[in-house]
Amino acid sequence: LITGKSSAQTFAAGGYHTCAVSATGGLVCWGGNDDGQL
């Protein structure tokens, strides 16, 4: 938000959740999780 710089390479927006892949291949998700989609 301060610099406009970022490091993640890929994003995926689902119906109620979002996931991201970093430059090193790490994977994180956030949002709705009723079905374990995170």
Full PDB file with SEQRES, HELIX, SHEET, SSBOND, CRYST1, ORIGX, SCALE, CONECT and MASTER records, all heavy atoms in Angstrom:
SEQRES   1 A   38  LEU ILE THR GLY LYS SER SER ALA GLN THR PHE ALA ALA          
SEQRES   2 A   38  GLY GLY TYR HIS THR CYS ALA VAL SER ALA THR GLY GLY          
SEQRES   3 A   38  LEU VAL CYS TRP GLY GLY ASN ASP ASP GLY GLN LEU              
SHEET    1 AA1 3 ALA A   8  ALA A  13  0                                        
SHEET    2 AA1 3 HIS A  17  SER A  22 -1                                        
SHEET    3 AA1 3 LEU A  27  GLY A  31 -1                                        
SSBOND   1 CYS A   19    CYS A   29                          1555   1555  2.01  
CRYST1    1.000    1.000    1.000  90.00  90.00  90.00 P 1           1          
ORIGX1      1.000000  0.000000  0.000000        0.00000                         
ORIGX2      0.000000  1.000000  0.000000        0.00000                         
ORIGX3      0.000000  0.000000  1.000000        0.00000                         
SCALE1      1.000000  0.000000  0.000000        0.00000                         
SCALE2      0.000000  1.000000  0.000000        0.00000                         
SCALE3      0.000000  0.000000  1.000000        0.00000                         
ATOM      1  N   LEU A   1       0.817  -1.206   0.000  1.00  0.00           N  
ATOM      2  CA  LEU A   1       0.000   0.000   0.000  1.00  0.00           C  
ATOM      3  C   LEU A   1       0.858   1.266   0.000  1.00  0.00           C  
ATOM      4  O   LEU A   1       0.460   2.298  -0.525  1.00  0.00           O  
ATOM      5  CB  LEU A   1      -0.930  -0.003   1.215  1.00  0.00           C  
ATOM      6  CG  LEU A   1      -1.990  -1.118   1.222  1.00  0.00           C  
ATOM      7  CD1 LEU A   1      -2.776  -1.074   2.524  1.00  0.00           C  
ATOM      8  CD2 LEU A   1      -2.915  -0.976   0.027  1.00  0.00           C  
ATOM      9  N   ILE A   2       2.058   1.173   0.570  1.00  0.00           N  
ATOM     10  CA  ILE A   2       2.946   2.327   0.626  1.00  0.00           C  
ATOM     11  C   ILE A   2       3.771   2.473  -0.646  1.00  0.00           C  
ATOM     12  O   ILE A   2       3.911   3.553  -1.209  1.00  0.00           O  
ATOM     13  CB  ILE A   2       3.890   2.226   1.842  1.00  0.00           C  
ATOM     14  CG1 ILE A   2       3.065   2.286   3.134  1.00  0.00           C  
ATOM     15  CG2 ILE A   2       4.934   3.339   1.827  1.00  0.00           C  
ATOM     16  CD1 ILE A   2       3.886   1.976   4.366  1.00  0.00           C  
ATOM     17  N   THR A   3       4.304   1.333  -1.130  1.00  0.00           N  
ATOM     18  CA  THR A   3       5.255   1.395  -2.246  1.00  0.00           C  
ATOM     19  C   THR A   3       4.705   0.906  -3.570  1.00  0.00           C  
ATOM     20  O   THR A   3       5.265   1.190  -4.620  1.00  0.00           O  
ATOM     21  CB  THR A   3       6.503   0.549  -1.919  1.00  0.00           C  
ATOM     22  OG1 THR A   3       6.122  -0.842  -1.883  1.00  0.00           O  
ATOM     23  CG2 THR A   3       7.091   0.942  -0.579  1.00  0.00           C  
ATOM     24  N   GLY A   4       3.619   0.131  -3.528  1.00  0.00           N  
ATOM     25  CA  GLY A   4       3.097  -0.447  -4.758  1.00  0.00           C  
ATOM     26  C   GLY A   4       3.856  -1.673  -5.204  1.00  0.00           C  
ATOM     27  O   GLY A   4       3.569  -2.247  -6.248  1.00  0.00           O  
ATOM     28  N   LYS A   5       4.846  -2.151  -4.441  1.00  0.00           N  
ATOM     29  CA  LYS A   5       5.641  -3.311  -4.812  1.00  0.00           C  
ATOM     30  C   LYS A   5       5.014  -4.578  -4.252  1.00  0.00           C  
ATOM     31  O   LYS A   5       4.388  -4.564  -3.205  1.00  0.00           O  
ATOM     32  CB  LYS A   5       7.078  -3.158  -4.306  1.00  0.00           C  
ATOM     33  CG  LYS A   5       7.819  -1.990  -4.932  1.00  0.00           C  
ATOM     34  CD  LYS A   5       9.233  -1.880  -4.397  1.00  0.00           C  
ATOM     35  CE  LYS A   5       9.974  -0.711  -5.046  1.00  0.00           C  
ATOM     36  NZ  LYS A   5      11.358  -0.592  -4.524  1.00  0.00           N  
ATOM     37  N   SER A   6       5.209  -5.705  -4.938  1.00  0.00           N  
ATOM     38  CA  SER A   6       4.600  -6.952  -4.515  1.00  0.00           C  
ATOM     39  C   SER A   6       5.481  -8.129  -4.892  1.00  0.00           C  
ATOM     40  O   SER A   6       6.407  -7.998  -5.679  1.00  0.00           O  
ATOM     41  CB  SER A   6       3.226  -7.126  -5.172  1.00  0.00           C  
ATOM     42  OG  SER A   6       3.344  -7.106  -6.582  1.00  0.00           O  
ATOM     43  N   SER A   7       5.185  -9.316  -4.297  1.00  0.00           N  
ATOM     44  CA  SER A   7       6.035 -10.474  -4.529  1.00  0.00           C  
ATOM     45  C   SER A   7       5.289 -11.710  -4.981  1.00  0.00           C  
ATOM     46  O   SER A   7       5.902 -12.649  -5.443  1.00  0.00           O  
ATOM     47  CB  SER A   7       6.802 -10.813  -3.246  1.00  0.00           C  
ATOM     48  OG  SER A   7       5.890 -11.116  -2.205  1.00  0.00           O  
ATOM     49  N   ALA A   8       3.973 -11.780  -4.835  1.00  0.00           N  
ATOM     50  CA  ALA A   8       3.251 -12.968  -5.260  1.00  0.00           C  
ATOM     51  C   ALA A   8       3.170 -13.028  -6.781  1.00  0.00           C  
ATOM     52  O   ALA A   8       3.140 -12.007  -7.457  1.00  0.00           O  
ATOM     53  CB  ALA A   8       1.854 -12.985  -4.665  1.00  0.00           C  
ATOM     54  N   GLN A   9       3.147 -14.250  -7.315  1.00  0.00           N  
ATOM     55  CA  GLN A   9       3.188 -14.455  -8.749  1.00  0.00           C  
ATOM     56  C   GLN A   9       1.828 -14.792  -9.353  1.00  0.00           C  
ATOM     57  O   GLN A   9       1.561 -14.464 -10.489  1.00  0.00           O  
ATOM     58  CB  GLN A   9       4.184 -15.578  -9.066  1.00  0.00           C  
ATOM     59  CG  GLN A   9       5.596 -15.300  -8.567  1.00  0.00           C  
ATOM     60  CD  GLN A   9       6.202 -14.063  -9.185  1.00  0.00           C  
ATOM     61  OE1 GLN A   9       6.403 -14.010 -10.391  1.00  0.00           O  
ATOM     62  NE2 GLN A   9       6.475 -13.060  -8.382  1.00  0.00           N  
ATOM     63  N   THR A  10       0.976 -15.490  -8.607  1.00  0.00           N  
ATOM     64  CA  THR A  10      -0.290 -15.951  -9.141  1.00  0.00           C  
ATOM     65  C   THR A  10      -1.382 -15.819  -8.092  1.00  0.00           C  
ATOM     66  O   THR A  10      -1.163 -16.128  -6.934  1.00  0.00           O  
ATOM     67  CB  THR A  10      -0.186 -17.428  -9.569  1.00  0.00           C  
ATOM     68  OG1 THR A  10       0.861 -17.568 -10.517  1.00  0.00           O  
ATOM     69  CG2 THR A  10      -1.486 -17.905 -10.201  1.00  0.00           C  
ATOM     70  N   PHE A  11      -2.562 -15.369  -8.522  1.00  0.00           N  
ATOM     71  CA  PHE A  11      -3.724 -15.277  -7.654  1.00  0.00           C  
ATOM     72  C   PHE A  11      -4.869 -16.089  -8.242  1.00  0.00           C  
ATOM     73  O   PHE A  11      -4.953 -16.261  -9.455  1.00  0.00           O  
ATOM     74  CB  PHE A  11      -4.186 -13.821  -7.522  1.00  0.00           C  
ATOM     75  CG  PHE A  11      -3.586 -13.103  -6.348  1.00  0.00           C  
ATOM     76  CD1 PHE A  11      -2.277 -12.684  -6.380  1.00  0.00           C  
ATOM     77  CD2 PHE A  11      -4.339 -12.858  -5.224  1.00  0.00           C  
ATOM     78  CE1 PHE A  11      -1.716 -12.016  -5.314  1.00  0.00           C  
ATOM     79  CE2 PHE A  11      -3.793 -12.188  -4.139  1.00  0.00           C  
ATOM     80  CZ  PHE A  11      -2.483 -11.770  -4.179  1.00  0.00           C  
ATOM     81  N   ALA A  12      -5.748 -16.574  -7.382  1.00  0.00           N  
ATOM     82  CA  ALA A  12      -6.962 -17.250  -7.822  1.00  0.00           C  
ATOM     83  C   ALA A  12      -8.098 -16.835  -6.918  1.00  0.00           C  
ATOM     84  O   ALA A  12      -8.054 -17.062  -5.710  1.00  0.00           O  
ATOM     85  CB  ALA A  12      -6.781 -18.764  -7.783  1.00  0.00           C  
ATOM     86  N   ALA A  13      -9.131 -16.203  -7.486  1.00  0.00           N  
ATOM     87  CA  ALA A  13     -10.296 -15.778  -6.715  1.00  0.00           C  
ATOM     88  C   ALA A  13     -11.422 -16.770  -6.918  1.00  0.00           C  
ATOM     89  O   ALA A  13     -11.911 -16.956  -8.032  1.00  0.00           O  
ATOM     90  CB  ALA A  13     -10.739 -14.381  -7.156  1.00  0.00           C  
ATOM     91  N   GLY A  14     -11.815 -17.467  -5.855  1.00  0.00           N  
ATOM     92  CA  GLY A  14     -12.942 -18.380  -5.917  1.00  0.00           C  
ATOM     93  C   GLY A  14     -14.236 -17.676  -5.571  1.00  0.00           C  
ATOM     94  O   GLY A  14     -14.285 -16.449  -5.452  1.00  0.00           O  
ATOM     95  N   GLY A  15     -15.307 -18.438  -5.396  1.00  0.00           N  
ATOM     96  CA  GLY A  15     -16.600 -17.846  -5.098  1.00  0.00           C  
ATOM     97  C   GLY A  15     -16.602 -17.081  -3.792  1.00  0.00           C  
ATOM     98  O   GLY A  15     -17.139 -15.981  -3.705  1.00  0.00           O  
ATOM     99  N   TYR A  16     -15.985 -17.652  -2.752  1.00  0.00           N  
ATOM    100  CA  TYR A  16     -15.957 -17.021  -1.444  1.00  0.00           C  
ATOM    101  C   TYR A  16     -14.557 -16.968  -0.845  1.00  0.00           C  
ATOM    102  O   TYR A  16     -14.398 -16.632   0.326  1.00  0.00           O  
ATOM    103  CB  TYR A  16     -16.871 -17.781  -0.469  1.00  0.00           C  
ATOM    104  CG  TYR A  16     -18.335 -17.721  -0.816  1.00  0.00           C  
ATOM    105  CD1 TYR A  16     -18.966 -18.805  -1.432  1.00  0.00           C  
ATOM    106  CD2 TYR A  16     -19.097 -16.597  -0.532  1.00  0.00           C  
ATOM    107  CE1 TYR A  16     -20.305 -18.761  -1.758  1.00  0.00           C  
ATOM    108  CE2 TYR A  16     -20.441 -16.544  -0.846  1.00  0.00           C  
ATOM    109  CZ  TYR A  16     -21.047 -17.626  -1.456  1.00  0.00           C  
ATOM    110  OH  TYR A  16     -22.385 -17.579  -1.770  1.00  0.00           O  
ATOM    111  N   HIS A  17     -13.546 -17.332  -1.607  1.00  0.00           N  
ATOM    112  CA  HIS A  17     -12.197 -17.377  -1.048  1.00  0.00           C  
ATOM    113  C   HIS A  17     -11.181 -16.983  -2.111  1.00  0.00           C  
ATOM    114  O   HIS A  17     -11.501 -16.877  -3.297  1.00  0.00           O  
ATOM    115  CB  HIS A  17     -11.874 -18.776  -0.507  1.00  0.00           C  
ATOM    116  CG  HIS A  17     -11.646 -19.820  -1.562  1.00  0.00           C  
ATOM    117  ND1 HIS A  17     -12.638 -20.249  -2.401  1.00  0.00           N  
ATOM    118  CD2 HIS A  17     -10.531 -20.532  -1.908  1.00  0.00           C  
ATOM    119  CE1 HIS A  17     -12.166 -21.186  -3.213  1.00  0.00           C  
ATOM    120  NE2 HIS A  17     -10.889 -21.368  -2.942  1.00  0.00           N  
ATOM    121  N   THR A  18      -9.955 -16.741  -1.647  1.00  0.00           N  
ATOM    122  CA  THR A  18      -8.872 -16.344  -2.539  1.00  0.00           C  
ATOM    123  C   THR A  18      -7.599 -17.069  -2.123  1.00  0.00           C  
ATOM    124  O   THR A  18      -7.387 -17.322  -0.943  1.00  0.00           O  
ATOM    125  CB  THR A  18      -8.627 -14.819  -2.459  1.00  0.00           C  
ATOM    126  OG1 THR A  18      -9.869 -14.137  -2.639  1.00  0.00           O  
ATOM    127  CG2 THR A  18      -7.656 -14.367  -3.537  1.00  0.00           C  
ATOM    128  N   CYS A  19      -6.758 -17.400  -3.102  1.00  0.00           N  
ATOM    129  CA  CYS A  19      -5.471 -18.045  -2.830  1.00  0.00           C  
ATOM    130  C   CYS A  19      -4.385 -17.345  -3.626  1.00  0.00           C  
ATOM    131  O   CYS A  19      -4.652 -16.724  -4.659  1.00  0.00           O  
ATOM    132  CB  CYS A  19      -5.498 -19.523  -3.195  1.00  0.00           C  
ATOM    133  SG  CYS A  19      -6.625 -20.526  -2.191  1.00  0.00           S  
ATOM    134  N   ALA A  20      -3.162 -17.446  -3.143  1.00  0.00           N  
ATOM    135  CA  ALA A  20      -2.035 -16.807  -3.812  1.00  0.00           C  
ATOM    136  C   ALA A  20      -0.809 -17.715  -3.748  1.00  0.00           C  
ATOM    137  O   ALA A  20      -0.597 -18.422  -2.770  1.00  0.00           O  
ATOM    138  CB  ALA A  20      -1.713 -15.464  -3.159  1.00  0.00           C  
ATOM    139  N   VAL A  21      -0.004 -17.670  -4.826  1.00  0.00           N  
ATOM    140  CA  VAL A  21       1.266 -18.392  -4.902  1.00  0.00           C  
ATOM    141  C   VAL A  21       2.385 -17.370  -4.920  1.00  0.00           C  
ATOM    142  O   VAL A  21       2.349 -16.414  -5.703  1.00  0.00           O  
ATOM    143  CB  VAL A  21       1.344 -19.261  -6.172  1.00  0.00           C  
ATOM    144  CG1 VAL A  21       2.676 -20.010  -6.229  1.00  0.00           C  
ATOM    145  CG2 VAL A  21       0.185 -20.243  -6.220  1.00  0.00           C  
ATOM    146  N   SER A  22       3.391 -17.553  -4.064  1.00  0.00           N  
ATOM    147  CA  SER A  22       4.503 -16.616  -4.012  1.00  0.00           C  
ATOM    148  C   SER A  22       5.551 -16.956  -5.057  1.00  0.00           C  
ATOM    149  O   SER A  22       5.487 -17.987  -5.730  1.00  0.00           O  
ATOM    150  CB  SER A  22       5.158 -16.641  -2.628  1.00  0.00           C  
ATOM    151  OG  SER A  22       5.978 -17.793  -2.502  1.00  0.00           O  
ATOM    152  N   ALA A  23       6.543 -16.091  -5.185  1.00  0.00           N  
ATOM    153  CA  ALA A  23       7.639 -16.316  -6.134  1.00  0.00           C  
ATOM    154  C   ALA A  23       8.416 -17.579  -5.806  1.00  0.00           C  
ATOM    155  O   ALA A  23       9.055 -18.179  -6.673  1.00  0.00           O  
ATOM    156  CB  ALA A  23       8.575 -15.109  -6.138  1.00  0.00           C  
ATOM    157  N   THR A  24       8.361 -18.023  -4.542  1.00  0.00           N  
ATOM    158  CA  THR A  24       9.064 -19.231  -4.137  1.00  0.00           C  
ATOM    159  C   THR A  24       8.161 -20.461  -4.120  1.00  0.00           C  
ATOM    160  O   THR A  24       8.584 -21.538  -3.705  1.00  0.00           O  
ATOM    161  CB  THR A  24       9.678 -19.045  -2.736  1.00  0.00           C  
ATOM    162  OG1 THR A  24       8.634 -18.674  -1.828  1.00  0.00           O  
ATOM    163  CG2 THR A  24      10.744 -17.975  -2.758  1.00  0.00           C  
ATOM    164  N   GLY A  25       6.919 -20.313  -4.576  1.00  0.00           N  
ATOM    165  CA  GLY A  25       6.013 -21.451  -4.658  1.00  0.00           C  
ATOM    166  C   GLY A  25       5.200 -21.712  -3.420  1.00  0.00           C  
ATOM    167  O   GLY A  25       4.475 -22.708  -3.349  1.00  0.00           O  
ATOM    168  N   GLY A  26       5.288 -20.853  -2.405  1.00  0.00           N  
ATOM    169  CA  GLY A  26       4.458 -21.008  -1.220  1.00  0.00           C  
ATOM    170  C   GLY A  26       3.007 -20.707  -1.535  1.00  0.00           C  
ATOM    171  O   GLY A  26       2.698 -19.952  -2.456  1.00  0.00           O  
ATOM    172  N   LEU A  27       2.083 -21.285  -0.785  1.00  0.00           N  
ATOM    173  CA  LEU A  27       0.667 -21.163  -1.100  1.00  0.00           C  
ATOM    174  C   LEU A  27      -0.127 -20.784   0.145  1.00  0.00           C  
ATOM    175  O   LEU A  27      -0.039 -21.443   1.181  1.00  0.00           O  
ATOM    176  CB  LEU A  27       0.158 -22.497  -1.652  1.00  0.00           C  
ATOM    177  CG  LEU A  27      -1.289 -22.576  -2.121  1.00  0.00           C  
ATOM    178  CD1 LEU A  27      -1.574 -21.536  -3.192  1.00  0.00           C  
ATOM    179  CD2 LEU A  27      -1.573 -23.961  -2.668  1.00  0.00           C  
ATOM    180  N   VAL A  28      -0.913 -19.699   0.052  1.00  0.00           N  
ATOM    181  CA  VAL A  28      -1.776 -19.256   1.139  1.00  0.00           C  
ATOM    182  C   VAL A  28      -3.177 -18.983   0.613  1.00  0.00           C  
ATOM    183  O   VAL A  28      -3.364 -18.684  -0.567  1.00  0.00           O  
ATOM    184  CB  VAL A  28      -1.238 -17.979   1.821  1.00  0.00           C  
ATOM    185  CG1 VAL A  28       0.047 -18.257   2.560  1.00  0.00           C  
ATOM    186  CG2 VAL A  28      -1.061 -16.860   0.805  1.00  0.00           C  
ATOM    187  N   CYS A  29      -4.173 -19.092   1.506  1.00  0.00           N  
ATOM    188  CA  CYS A  29      -5.563 -18.816   1.142  1.00  0.00           C  
ATOM    189  C   CYS A  29      -6.249 -18.066   2.280  1.00  0.00           C  
ATOM    190  O   CYS A  29      -5.794 -18.109   3.427  1.00  0.00           O  
ATOM    191  CB  CYS A  29      -6.318 -20.120   0.873  1.00  0.00           C  
ATOM    192  SG  CYS A  29      -5.698 -21.106  -0.509  1.00  0.00           S  
ATOM    193  N   TRP A  30      -7.362 -17.398   1.953  1.00  0.00           N  
ATOM    194  CA  TRP A  30      -8.141 -16.690   2.972  1.00  0.00           C  
ATOM    195  C   TRP A  30      -9.577 -16.541   2.488  1.00  0.00           C  
ATOM    196  O   TRP A  30      -9.880 -16.703   1.308  1.00  0.00           O  
ATOM    197  CB  TRP A  30      -7.532 -15.320   3.281  1.00  0.00           C  
ATOM    198  CG  TRP A  30      -7.452 -14.367   2.117  1.00  0.00           C  
ATOM    199  CD1 TRP A  30      -8.352 -13.400   1.765  1.00  0.00           C  
ATOM    200  CD2 TRP A  30      -6.395 -14.286   1.143  1.00  0.00           C  
ATOM    201  NE1 TRP A  30      -7.934 -12.723   0.643  1.00  0.00           N  
ATOM    202  CE2 TRP A  30      -6.733 -13.237   0.250  1.00  0.00           C  
ATOM    203  CE3 TRP A  30      -5.203 -14.994   0.944  1.00  0.00           C  
ATOM    204  CZ2 TRP A  30      -5.920 -12.897  -0.840  1.00  0.00           C  
ATOM    205  CZ3 TRP A  30      -4.394 -14.649  -0.129  1.00  0.00           C  
ATOM    206  CH2 TRP A  30      -4.752 -13.612  -1.006  1.00  0.00           C  
ATOM    207  N   GLY A  31     -10.489 -16.268   3.449  1.00  0.00           N  
ATOM    208  CA  GLY A  31     -11.899 -16.080   3.115  1.00  0.00           C  
ATOM    209  C   GLY A  31     -12.767 -17.204   3.641  1.00  0.00           C  
ATOM    210  O   GLY A  31     -12.475 -17.822   4.662  1.00  0.00           O  
ATOM    211  N   GLY A  32     -13.878 -17.483   2.921  1.00  0.00           N  
ATOM    212  CA  GLY A  32     -14.816 -18.525   3.322  1.00  0.00           C  
ATOM    213  C   GLY A  32     -14.174 -19.898   3.306  1.00  0.00           C  
ATOM    214  O   GLY A  32     -13.335 -20.198   2.455  1.00  0.00           O  
ATOM    215  N   ASN A  33     -14.614 -20.755   4.258  1.00  0.00           N  
ATOM    216  CA  ASN A  33     -13.947 -22.047   4.416  1.00  0.00           C  
ATOM    217  C   ASN A  33     -14.923 -23.135   4.832  1.00  0.00           C  
ATOM    218  O   ASN A  33     -14.528 -24.128   5.444  1.00  0.00           O  
ATOM    219  CB  ASN A  33     -12.820 -21.910   5.458  1.00  0.00           C  
ATOM    220  CG  ASN A  33     -11.817 -23.032   5.402  1.00  0.00           C  
ATOM    221  OD1 ASN A  33     -11.603 -23.658   4.367  1.00  0.00           O  
ATOM    222  ND2 ASN A  33     -11.184 -23.312   6.527  1.00  0.00           N  
ATOM    223  N   ASP A  34     -16.204 -22.985   4.482  1.00  0.00           N  
ATOM    224  CA  ASP A  34     -17.211 -23.951   4.910  1.00  0.00           C  
ATOM    225  C   ASP A  34     -16.909 -25.367   4.433  1.00  0.00           C  
ATOM    226  O   ASP A  34     -17.261 -26.345   5.095  1.00  0.00           O  
ATOM    227  CB  ASP A  34     -18.596 -23.543   4.396  1.00  0.00           C  
ATOM    228  CG  ASP A  34     -19.138 -22.325   5.117  1.00  0.00           C  
ATOM    229  OD1 ASP A  34     -18.533 -21.915   6.124  1.00  0.00           O  
ATOM    230  OD2 ASP A  34     -20.156 -21.777   4.657  1.00  0.00           O  
ATOM    231  N   ASP A  35     -16.294 -25.487   3.268  1.00  0.00           N  
ATOM    232  CA  ASP A  35     -16.016 -26.801   2.690  1.00  0.00           C  
ATOM    233  C   ASP A  35     -14.542 -27.179   2.781  1.00  0.00           C  
ATOM    234  O   ASP A  35     -14.102 -28.128   2.143  1.00  0.00           O  
ATOM    235  CB  ASP A  35     -16.454 -26.829   1.228  1.00  0.00           C  
ATOM    236  CG  ASP A  35     -17.949 -26.620   1.074  1.00  0.00           C  
ATOM    237  OD1 ASP A  35     -18.717 -27.443   1.598  1.00  0.00           O  
ATOM    238  OD2 ASP A  35     -18.361 -25.625   0.445  1.00  0.00           O  
ATOM    239  N   GLY A  36     -13.768 -26.405   3.558  1.00  0.00           N  
ATOM    240  CA  GLY A  36     -12.345 -26.697   3.668  1.00  0.00           C  
ATOM    241  C   GLY A  36     -11.532 -26.222   2.491  1.00  0.00           C  
ATOM    242  O   GLY A  36     -10.411 -26.670   2.277  1.00  0.00           O  
ATOM    243  N   GLN A  37     -12.066 -25.263   1.714  1.00  0.00           N  
ATOM    244  CA  GLN A  37     -11.394 -24.820   0.495  1.00  0.00           C  
ATOM    245  C   GLN A  37     -10.123 -24.013   0.739  1.00  0.00           C  
ATOM    246  O   GLN A  37      -9.377 -23.734  -0.204  1.00  0.00           O  
ATOM    247  CB  GLN A  37     -12.351 -24.021  -0.400  1.00  0.00           C  
ATOM    248  CG  GLN A  37     -12.965 -22.784   0.227  1.00  0.00           C  
ATOM    249  CD  GLN A  37     -14.343 -23.042   0.784  1.00  0.00           C  
ATOM    250  OE1 GLN A  37     -14.550 -23.964   1.569  1.00  0.00           O  
ATOM    251  NE2 GLN A  37     -15.309 -22.216   0.394  1.00  0.00           N  
ATOM    252  N   LEU A  38      -9.862 -23.643   1.998  1.00  0.00           N  
ATOM    253  CA  LEU A  38      -8.599 -22.961   2.305  1.00  0.00           C  
ATOM    254  C   LEU A  38      -7.467 -23.951   2.548  1.00  0.00           C  
ATOM    255  O   LEU A  38      -6.292 -23.558   2.556  1.00  0.00           O  
ATOM    256  CB  LEU A  38      -8.762 -22.053   3.528  1.00  0.00           C  
ATOM    257  CG  LEU A  38      -9.836 -20.970   3.448  1.00  0.00           C  
ATOM    258  CD1 LEU A  38      -9.718 -20.030   4.632  1.00  0.00           C  
ATOM    259  CD2 LEU A  38      -9.754 -20.193   2.131  1.00  0.00           C  
TER     260      LEU A  38                                                      
CONECT  133  192                                                                
CONECT  192  133                                                                
MASTER        0    0    0    0    3    0    0    6  259    1    2    3          
END                                                                             
